[in-house]
Amino acid sequence: MDTHNLIMQDQEYLLHTYAKKHIYFERALGSILWTKDNQDYIDFGSGIGVCSVGHCNSFLIQNLTEQLHKIIHISNIFGNDLQIKLAKRIVELSGLDARVFFSNSGAEANECAIKIARKFGESQNRYEIITLDSSFHGRTIATLKATGQEKFHQHFGPFPEGFVVAKNLEHVFELIGDKTCAVMLELIQGEGGVCAFDKKQIQQLSSLLKQKGLLLIVDEVQSGVYRSGSFLASQSYGIKPDIITLAKGLGGGIPIGATITTLKNIFTSGDHGSTFGGNFLSMQAGLSVLDILEKEYDNKLIDSRIDVFQSKISELLKTFPHLFSQSTGMGLMLGLQAHNQEIFEKILENSLKERVVVLKSGKNVIRFLPPIIIQKEEIQEGFERFKKACEKI
């Protein structure tokens, strides 16, 4: 089917919830995407941070194929040895004394975190969760309300009560009150401009919450699973949250969500559940991704790629001071802030013309979320194309 007919049928049959670019990719390998007419694109977006081990990773494909021939789903009425294995791996890598609940997405992982916090605070009549103005936690009704950005709230109220939005990190300290049960935040805000918070401030907040007997929920849906350099961004920040949520890169392309909590006995039978969560296929995906990325981390390959990628970002900032004001983020979760909306939109447009995929974030921030296993030659080629996109402005 040609592109024109695909666009027509897209418009006829799909709900229009995305500002979609009608480029139809047919195949992919590593960090390269190919269209039906064999045009190659360097992927600096990895499906919004999902394809952590690249496209069509042979080890992941082999393990998933073997699993497909064994068993895919039986529900959580029965035991699942792969759930046990993956939970054990996640807990060990986190360094926490914790347990894990598996779901299908970041929003679901955050819903679980919210329910844990509410049950934790119930006996003291504490139910308020403080979030941040520029945060993003999902698109369900509860996680949408937890998301501080008002632009996401239009049309969908009334929302559940009990979410208090802080203007910034300093404001969080002021808002903690008698009804507070938890603070929920991203250490590196994905949709909020790829903003990485100050480590000392985060450590002070973590310490204060522990003193007050309140919970810290860290949303690592995008920053987790080695995206920040460590297994968890919270490890890079030197803190031990009470609840951590994961998704995106954990499945390497297979839908998965995970809620890690040190409140090991908070739920009893029937308190929470998920029909598809923790199915055999997604658990095998998670185990395979961790097998790959643990080795990459131990062999310092992730650190090496981060160094190369960040040096390229620094070069762009120096080369195009008339286009960019600053770089943001950490690890392989990075951003370049354009001076204005016009420049921002033009860079996005030119990047696709030069066949390199980048993402948008916050106010005029170009976001880079390459596969964590991206090769140096792919980084080099991608930045050469991105530089051409900038030179045309």
Protein backbone atom coordinates (compact mmCIF):
# COMPACT_ATOMS: atom_id res chain seq x y z
CA MET A 1 0.00 0.00 0.00
CA ASP A 2 1.44 3.40 -0.97
CA THR A 3 1.91 6.23 1.53
CA HIS A 4 -1.08 8.22 0.26
CA ASN A 5 -3.48 5.32 0.90
CA LEU A 6 -1.91 4.65 4.30
CA ILE A 7 -2.50 8.28 5.29
CA MET A 8 -6.11 8.15 4.09
CA GLN A 9 -6.84 4.96 6.04
CA ASP A 10 -5.00 6.31 9.09
CA GLN A 11 -7.30 9.32 9.05
CA GLU A 12 -10.38 7.15 8.60
CA TYR A 13 -9.80 4.40 11.15
CA LEU A 14 -7.55 5.72 13.93
CA LEU A 15 -8.33 8.17 16.71
CA HIS A 16 -6.24 11.26 16.09
CA THR A 17 -4.33 11.64 19.34
CA TYR A 18 -0.86 12.14 17.89
CA ALA A 19 0.70 14.93 15.82
CA LYS A 20 1.96 12.20 13.55
CA LYS A 21 4.68 12.36 10.92
CA HIS A 22 3.55 10.09 8.11
CA ILE A 23 6.83 8.28 7.64
CA TYR A 24 6.25 4.53 7.53
CA PHE A 25 9.20 2.40 8.63
CA GLU A 26 9.35 -1.16 7.36
CA ARG A 27 12.37 -2.59 9.15
CA ALA A 28 15.06 -1.66 11.65
CA LEU A 29 18.34 -2.92 13.04
CA GLY A 30 20.38 -1.55 15.91
CA SER A 31 19.94 2.23 15.77
CA ILE A 32 18.92 2.43 12.11
CA LEU A 33 15.40 2.53 10.66
CA TRP A 34 14.47 1.94 7.01
CA THR A 35 11.37 3.11 5.15
CA LYS A 36 9.57 1.13 2.45
CA ASP A 37 11.62 2.92 -0.20
CA ASN A 38 14.86 1.99 1.61
CA GLN A 39 15.64 5.41 3.08
CA ASP A 40 17.70 4.97 6.26
CA TYR A 41 17.23 7.05 9.43
CA ILE A 42 19.51 7.21 12.47
CA ASP A 43 17.31 6.66 15.54
CA PHE A 44 18.09 9.04 18.40
CA GLY A 45 14.62 8.46 19.88
CA SER A 46 14.44 4.67 20.38
CA GLY A 47 10.65 4.68 20.42
CA ILE A 48 10.68 7.35 23.20
CA GLY A 49 13.28 5.51 25.23
CA VAL A 50 11.76 2.05 24.80
CA CYS A 51 14.13 0.24 22.42
CA SER A 52 16.98 0.24 24.93
CA VAL A 53 18.88 -2.64 23.33
CA GLY A 54 18.25 -1.37 19.80
CA HIS A 55 15.96 -2.65 17.10
CA CYS A 56 15.76 -6.37 16.33
CA ASN A 57 18.40 -7.33 18.87
CA SER A 58 19.27 -10.94 18.02
CA PHE A 59 19.58 -12.08 21.65
CA LEU A 60 16.21 -10.56 22.56
CA ILE A 61 14.55 -12.04 19.46
CA GLN A 62 15.95 -15.50 20.16
CA ASN A 63 14.71 -15.54 23.74
CA LEU A 64 11.29 -14.15 22.84
CA THR A 65 10.89 -16.66 20.02
CA GLU A 66 11.73 -19.54 22.33
CA GLN A 67 9.26 -18.19 24.89
CA LEU A 68 6.50 -17.88 22.27
CA HIS A 69 6.81 -21.61 21.64
CA LYS A 70 6.52 -22.39 25.37
CA ILE A 71 3.86 -20.22 27.02
CA ILE A 72 2.76 -16.58 26.73
CA HIS A 73 0.06 -15.98 29.33
CA ILE A 74 -1.82 -17.77 32.08
CA SER A 75 -2.85 -14.86 34.38
CA ASN A 76 -1.64 -14.21 37.92
CA ILE A 77 -3.91 -16.85 39.43
CA PHE A 78 -0.97 -19.22 38.99
CA GLY A 79 2.73 -18.98 39.77
CA ASN A 80 5.22 -17.67 37.22
CA ASP A 81 8.89 -18.53 37.62
CA LEU A 82 9.98 -15.78 35.22
CA GLN A 83 8.25 -13.16 37.40
CA ILE A 84 10.28 -14.42 40.35
CA LYS A 85 13.53 -14.31 38.36
CA LEU A 86 12.96 -10.81 37.02
CA ALA A 87 11.78 -9.42 40.36
CA LYS A 88 14.87 -10.88 42.03
CA ARG A 89 17.15 -9.33 39.41
CA ILE A 90 15.50 -5.91 39.73
CA VAL A 91 15.66 -5.96 43.53
CA GLU A 92 19.31 -7.01 43.53
CA LEU A 93 20.25 -4.36 40.98
CA SER A 94 18.34 -1.69 42.90
CA GLY A 95 20.19 -2.44 46.15
CA LEU A 96 16.89 -2.11 48.03
CA ASP A 97 15.12 -4.47 50.42
CA ALA A 98 11.99 -4.47 48.29
CA ARG A 99 9.31 -6.33 46.37
CA VAL A 100 8.03 -5.80 42.83
CA PHE A 101 4.63 -5.62 41.15
CA PHE A 102 4.50 -6.06 37.37
CA SER A 103 2.10 -4.25 35.03
CA ASN A 104 2.06 -3.20 31.37
CA SER A 105 3.11 0.44 31.21
CA GLY A 106 4.58 3.40 33.04
CA ALA A 107 1.17 4.87 33.83
CA GLU A 108 0.08 1.58 35.40
CA ALA A 109 3.30 1.37 37.40
CA ASN A 110 2.60 4.89 38.69
CA GLU A 111 -1.04 4.03 39.48
CA CYS A 112 0.26 1.21 41.65
CA ALA A 113 2.67 3.62 43.36
CA ILE A 114 -0.19 6.04 44.08
CA LYS A 115 -2.29 3.26 45.60
CA ILE A 116 0.61 2.16 47.80
CA ALA A 117 1.06 5.74 49.05
CA ARG A 118 -2.66 6.16 49.73
CA LYS A 119 -2.87 2.91 51.67
CA PHE A 120 0.28 3.83 53.59
CA GLY A 121 -1.23 7.15 54.68
CA GLU A 122 -4.75 5.88 55.34
CA SER A 123 -4.34 5.21 59.07
CA GLN A 124 -3.13 8.80 59.67
CA ASN A 125 -5.64 10.40 57.29
CA ARG A 126 -2.77 11.40 55.02
CA TYR A 127 -3.65 11.19 51.34
CA GLU A 128 -2.02 14.14 49.55
CA ILE A 129 0.77 13.46 47.06
CA ILE A 130 2.97 16.39 46.08
CA THR A 131 4.11 16.47 42.45
CA LEU A 132 5.93 19.05 40.35
CA ASP A 133 4.61 21.64 37.91
CA SER A 134 6.61 20.37 34.92
CA SER A 135 6.18 16.66 35.65
CA PHE A 136 4.67 13.89 33.55
CA HIS A 137 3.43 10.64 35.13
CA GLY A 138 0.98 9.14 32.62
CA ARG A 139 -2.37 9.51 30.89
CA THR A 140 -4.81 7.64 33.11
CA ILE A 141 -7.11 9.91 35.10
CA ALA A 142 -5.07 9.62 38.31
CA THR A 143 -1.61 9.84 36.73
CA LEU A 144 -2.83 12.69 34.52
CA LYS A 145 -3.78 14.63 37.63
CA ALA A 146 -0.43 13.74 39.19
CA THR A 147 1.12 15.27 36.07
CA GLY A 148 1.67 18.91 36.94
CA GLN A 149 1.42 20.32 33.41
CA GLU A 150 -1.98 21.98 33.03
CA LYS A 151 -2.02 21.55 29.25
CA PHE A 152 -2.66 17.83 29.76
CA HIS A 153 -5.68 18.43 32.01
CA GLN A 154 -8.05 20.12 29.57
CA HIS A 155 -11.35 18.32 28.87
CA PHE A 156 -10.83 15.42 31.30
CA GLY A 157 -12.02 16.61 34.72
CA PRO A 158 -13.20 16.14 37.33
CA PHE A 159 -10.05 14.52 38.59
CA PRO A 160 -9.37 12.54 41.78
CA GLU A 161 -8.52 14.78 44.72
CA GLY A 162 -5.34 14.66 46.75
CA PHE A 163 -2.66 15.89 44.36
CA VAL A 164 -0.79 19.09 45.20
CA VAL A 165 1.45 20.67 42.58
CA ALA A 166 4.67 22.42 43.56
CA LYS A 167 6.06 25.20 41.36
CA ASN A 168 9.60 23.88 41.78
CA LEU A 169 11.71 21.71 44.06
CA GLU A 170 12.07 24.43 46.70
CA HIS A 171 8.28 24.77 46.82
CA VAL A 172 7.94 21.06 47.66
CA PHE A 173 9.50 21.68 51.08
CA GLU A 174 6.94 24.41 51.77
CA LEU A 175 3.95 22.30 50.75
CA ILE A 176 4.61 19.32 53.03
CA GLY A 177 1.77 19.33 55.56
CA ASP A 178 -0.50 17.29 57.82
CA LYS A 179 -2.24 15.61 54.86
CA THR A 180 0.93 14.75 52.91
CA CYS A 181 1.64 11.05 52.49
CA ALA A 182 4.22 11.20 49.68
CA VAL A 183 6.21 13.25 47.21
CA MET A 184 6.28 11.93 43.64
CA LEU A 185 8.87 13.16 41.15
CA GLU A 186 11.13 12.35 38.22
CA LEU A 187 14.82 12.93 38.91
CA ILE A 188 15.23 13.74 35.22
CA GLN A 189 12.01 15.11 33.75
CA GLY A 190 11.36 13.48 30.39
CA GLU A 191 8.46 15.59 29.10
CA GLY A 192 9.42 18.60 31.22
CA GLY A 193 12.49 19.66 29.27
CA VAL A 194 14.90 16.81 30.14
CA CYS A 195 15.60 18.65 33.39
CA ALA A 196 17.94 16.87 35.82
CA PHE A 197 17.44 18.12 39.37
CA ASP A 198 20.24 19.17 41.69
CA LYS A 199 21.59 16.18 43.59
CA LYS A 200 22.04 17.96 46.93
CA GLN A 201 18.46 19.25 46.89
CA ILE A 202 17.13 15.79 46.09
CA GLN A 203 19.19 14.28 48.90
CA GLN A 204 17.90 16.94 51.32
CA LEU A 205 14.31 16.20 50.30
CA SER A 206 14.83 12.46 50.67
CA SER A 207 16.33 12.95 54.14
CA LEU A 208 13.50 15.26 55.24
CA LEU A 209 10.80 12.82 54.11
CA LYS A 210 12.47 9.97 56.00
CA GLN A 211 12.61 12.14 59.13
CA LYS A 212 8.91 12.89 58.82
CA GLY A 213 7.97 9.28 58.05
CA LEU A 214 6.65 10.18 54.58
CA LEU A 215 7.21 8.42 51.26
CA LEU A 216 9.40 9.35 48.31
CA ILE A 217 8.14 8.01 44.99
CA VAL A 218 10.61 8.28 42.12
CA ASP A 219 9.19 7.88 38.62
CA GLU A 220 12.00 6.23 36.64
CA VAL A 221 9.80 5.15 33.75
CA GLN A 222 12.16 6.96 31.37
CA SER A 223 15.36 7.42 33.41
CA GLY A 224 15.63 3.86 34.73
CA VAL A 225 17.29 0.71 33.36
CA TYR A 226 20.71 2.29 32.67
CA ARG A 227 19.32 5.29 30.76
CA SER A 228 21.00 7.67 33.25
CA GLY A 229 24.24 5.65 33.34
CA SER A 230 23.43 3.63 36.47
CA PHE A 231 20.70 0.99 36.67
CA LEU A 232 18.58 3.63 38.42
CA ALA A 233 18.93 7.41 38.34
CA SER A 234 18.21 7.32 42.07
CA GLN A 235 21.49 5.42 42.53
CA SER A 236 23.32 8.21 40.70
CA TYR A 237 21.63 10.64 43.11
CA GLY A 238 22.65 8.62 46.16
CA ILE A 239 19.12 8.13 47.51
CA LYS A 240 16.93 5.15 48.40
CA PRO A 241 13.30 5.94 47.55
CA ASP A 242 10.39 4.07 49.11
CA ILE A 243 8.82 3.42 45.71
CA ILE A 244 10.39 3.39 42.23
CA THR A 245 8.53 2.87 38.95
CA LEU A 246 10.02 1.44 35.75
CA ALA A 247 8.71 0.74 32.25
CA LYS A 248 9.92 1.83 28.77
CA GLY A 249 13.47 0.45 28.39
CA LEU A 250 12.91 -2.55 30.66
CA GLY A 251 11.10 -4.50 27.93
CA GLY A 252 13.20 -3.43 24.94
CA GLY A 253 9.99 -2.93 22.92
CA ILE A 254 7.66 -5.34 24.73
CA PRO A 255 5.12 -3.55 26.99
CA ILE A 256 6.04 -3.81 30.66
CA GLY A 257 5.76 -1.83 33.89
CA ALA A 258 7.28 -2.47 37.30
CA THR A 259 6.65 -0.92 40.70
CA ILE A 260 9.41 -1.48 43.25
CA THR A 261 8.61 -0.77 46.89
CA THR A 262 10.33 -1.15 50.23
CA LEU A 263 6.85 -1.37 51.81
CA LYS A 264 6.97 -5.10 51.31
CA ASN A 265 3.72 -5.95 53.10
CA ILE A 266 1.60 -2.95 52.11
CA PHE A 267 -0.81 -4.90 49.90
CA THR A 268 -2.89 -7.92 50.76
CA SER A 269 -4.70 -10.27 48.37
CA GLY A 270 -7.18 -8.33 46.22
CA ASP A 271 -5.70 -4.86 46.84
CA HIS A 272 -4.26 -4.59 43.35
CA GLY A 273 -3.96 -6.62 40.17
CA SER A 274 -3.34 -6.77 36.43
CA THR A 275 -4.63 -9.33 33.95
CA PHE A 276 -1.74 -9.00 31.50
CA GLY A 277 0.90 -7.73 33.94
CA GLY A 278 3.87 -10.03 34.43
CA ASN A 279 3.02 -12.36 31.55
CA PHE A 280 5.72 -14.78 30.41
CA LEU A 281 6.60 -12.86 27.25
CA SER A 282 7.17 -9.52 28.99
CA MET A 283 9.14 -11.20 31.78
CA GLN A 284 11.40 -12.91 29.25
CA ALA A 285 11.87 -9.54 27.55
CA GLY A 286 12.87 -7.91 30.84
CA LEU A 287 15.32 -10.69 31.71
CA SER A 288 16.88 -10.55 28.24
CA VAL A 289 17.25 -6.76 28.32
CA LEU A 290 18.95 -6.93 31.72
CA ASP A 291 21.27 -9.71 30.52
CA ILE A 292 22.41 -7.43 27.68
CA LEU A 293 22.64 -4.14 29.56
CA GLU A 294 24.29 -5.54 32.70
CA LYS A 295 27.18 -6.80 30.58
CA GLU A 296 27.39 -3.50 28.72
CA TYR A 297 27.47 -1.64 32.05
CA ASP A 298 30.04 -3.93 33.65
CA ASN A 299 32.31 -3.60 30.60
CA LYS A 300 32.09 0.23 30.80
CA LEU A 301 30.55 0.36 27.31
CA ILE A 302 27.58 2.43 28.47
CA ASP A 303 29.90 4.97 30.12
CA SER A 304 31.92 5.15 26.92
CA ARG A 305 28.85 5.86 24.79
CA ILE A 306 27.64 8.48 27.24
CA ASP A 307 31.02 10.26 26.99
CA VAL A 308 30.89 10.28 23.19
CA PHE A 309 27.26 11.37 23.02
CA GLN A 310 27.68 14.14 25.57
CA SER A 311 30.80 15.45 23.83
CA LYS A 312 28.81 15.70 20.59
CA ILE A 313 26.09 17.65 22.41
CA SER A 314 28.73 20.02 23.82
CA GLU A 315 30.17 20.54 20.33
CA LEU A 316 26.74 21.48 18.99
CA LEU A 317 26.22 23.97 21.80
CA LYS A 318 29.54 25.67 20.93
CA THR A 319 29.00 25.51 17.16
CA PHE A 320 25.45 26.87 17.18
CA PRO A 321 25.16 29.40 20.02
CA HIS A 322 22.60 31.28 17.91
CA LEU A 323 20.33 28.21 17.96
CA PHE A 324 20.81 26.67 21.42
CA SER A 325 20.99 28.24 24.88
CA GLN A 326 21.93 25.21 27.01
CA SER A 327 22.17 21.43 27.23
CA THR A 328 20.13 19.44 29.74
CA GLY A 329 19.81 15.94 31.19
CA MET A 330 22.32 13.22 32.03
CA GLY A 331 23.47 9.83 30.78
CA LEU A 332 21.78 9.02 27.48
CA MET A 333 18.77 11.16 28.36
CA LEU A 334 19.81 14.54 26.99
CA GLY A 335 18.39 17.74 25.61
CA LEU A 336 19.32 20.90 23.72
CA GLN A 337 17.19 23.96 24.40
CA ALA A 338 16.48 26.10 21.35
CA HIS A 339 16.28 29.87 21.78
CA ASN A 340 12.69 30.04 20.55
CA GLN A 341 9.75 28.10 19.13
CA GLU A 342 10.56 28.96 15.52
CA ILE A 343 14.08 27.57 15.74
CA PHE A 344 12.82 24.54 17.65
CA GLU A 345 10.20 23.64 15.03
CA LYS A 346 12.64 24.18 12.18
CA ILE A 347 15.24 21.88 13.75
CA LEU A 348 12.67 19.12 14.16
CA GLU A 349 11.56 19.54 10.56
CA ASN A 350 15.11 19.64 9.17
CA SER A 351 16.21 16.64 11.25
CA LEU A 352 13.64 14.41 9.59
CA LYS A 353 14.66 15.74 6.18
CA GLU A 354 18.25 14.81 7.02
CA ARG A 355 17.01 11.40 8.21
CA VAL A 356 17.81 11.53 11.93
CA VAL A 357 15.05 10.95 14.51
CA VAL A 358 15.03 13.26 17.53
CA LEU A 359 12.21 14.07 19.96
CA LYS A 360 10.61 17.13 21.51
CA SER A 361 10.32 17.92 25.21
CA GLY A 362 9.11 20.74 27.40
CA LYS A 363 9.56 24.26 26.12
CA ASN A 364 11.66 24.18 22.93
CA VAL A 365 13.93 21.31 24.02
CA ILE A 366 15.24 18.82 21.46
CA ARG A 367 15.38 15.48 23.27
CA PHE A 368 17.89 12.69 22.58
CA LEU A 369 17.05 9.16 23.77
CA PRO A 370 19.20 6.83 21.64
CA PRO A 371 19.28 3.08 22.18
CA ILE A 372 21.61 2.40 25.10
CA ILE A 373 23.60 -0.02 22.93
CA ILE A 374 24.04 2.54 20.11
CA GLN A 375 27.37 2.11 18.30
CA LYS A 376 29.90 4.92 17.96
CA GLU A 377 29.65 4.99 14.18
CA GLU A 378 25.87 5.40 14.47
CA ILE A 379 26.39 8.26 16.94
CA GLN A 380 28.84 9.88 14.52
CA GLU A 381 26.53 9.55 11.53
CA GLY A 382 23.51 10.74 13.49
CA PHE A 383 25.24 13.91 14.66
CA GLU A 384 26.58 14.64 11.18
CA ARG A 385 23.00 14.58 9.94
CA PHE A 386 21.75 16.63 12.87
CA LYS A 387 24.51 19.19 12.26
CA LYS A 388 23.35 19.55 8.64
CA ALA A 389 19.81 20.11 9.94
CA CYS A 390 21.12 22.94 12.12
CA GLU A 391 23.25 24.46 9.35
CA LYS A 392 20.17 24.97 7.20
CA ILE A 393 18.69 27.49 9.65
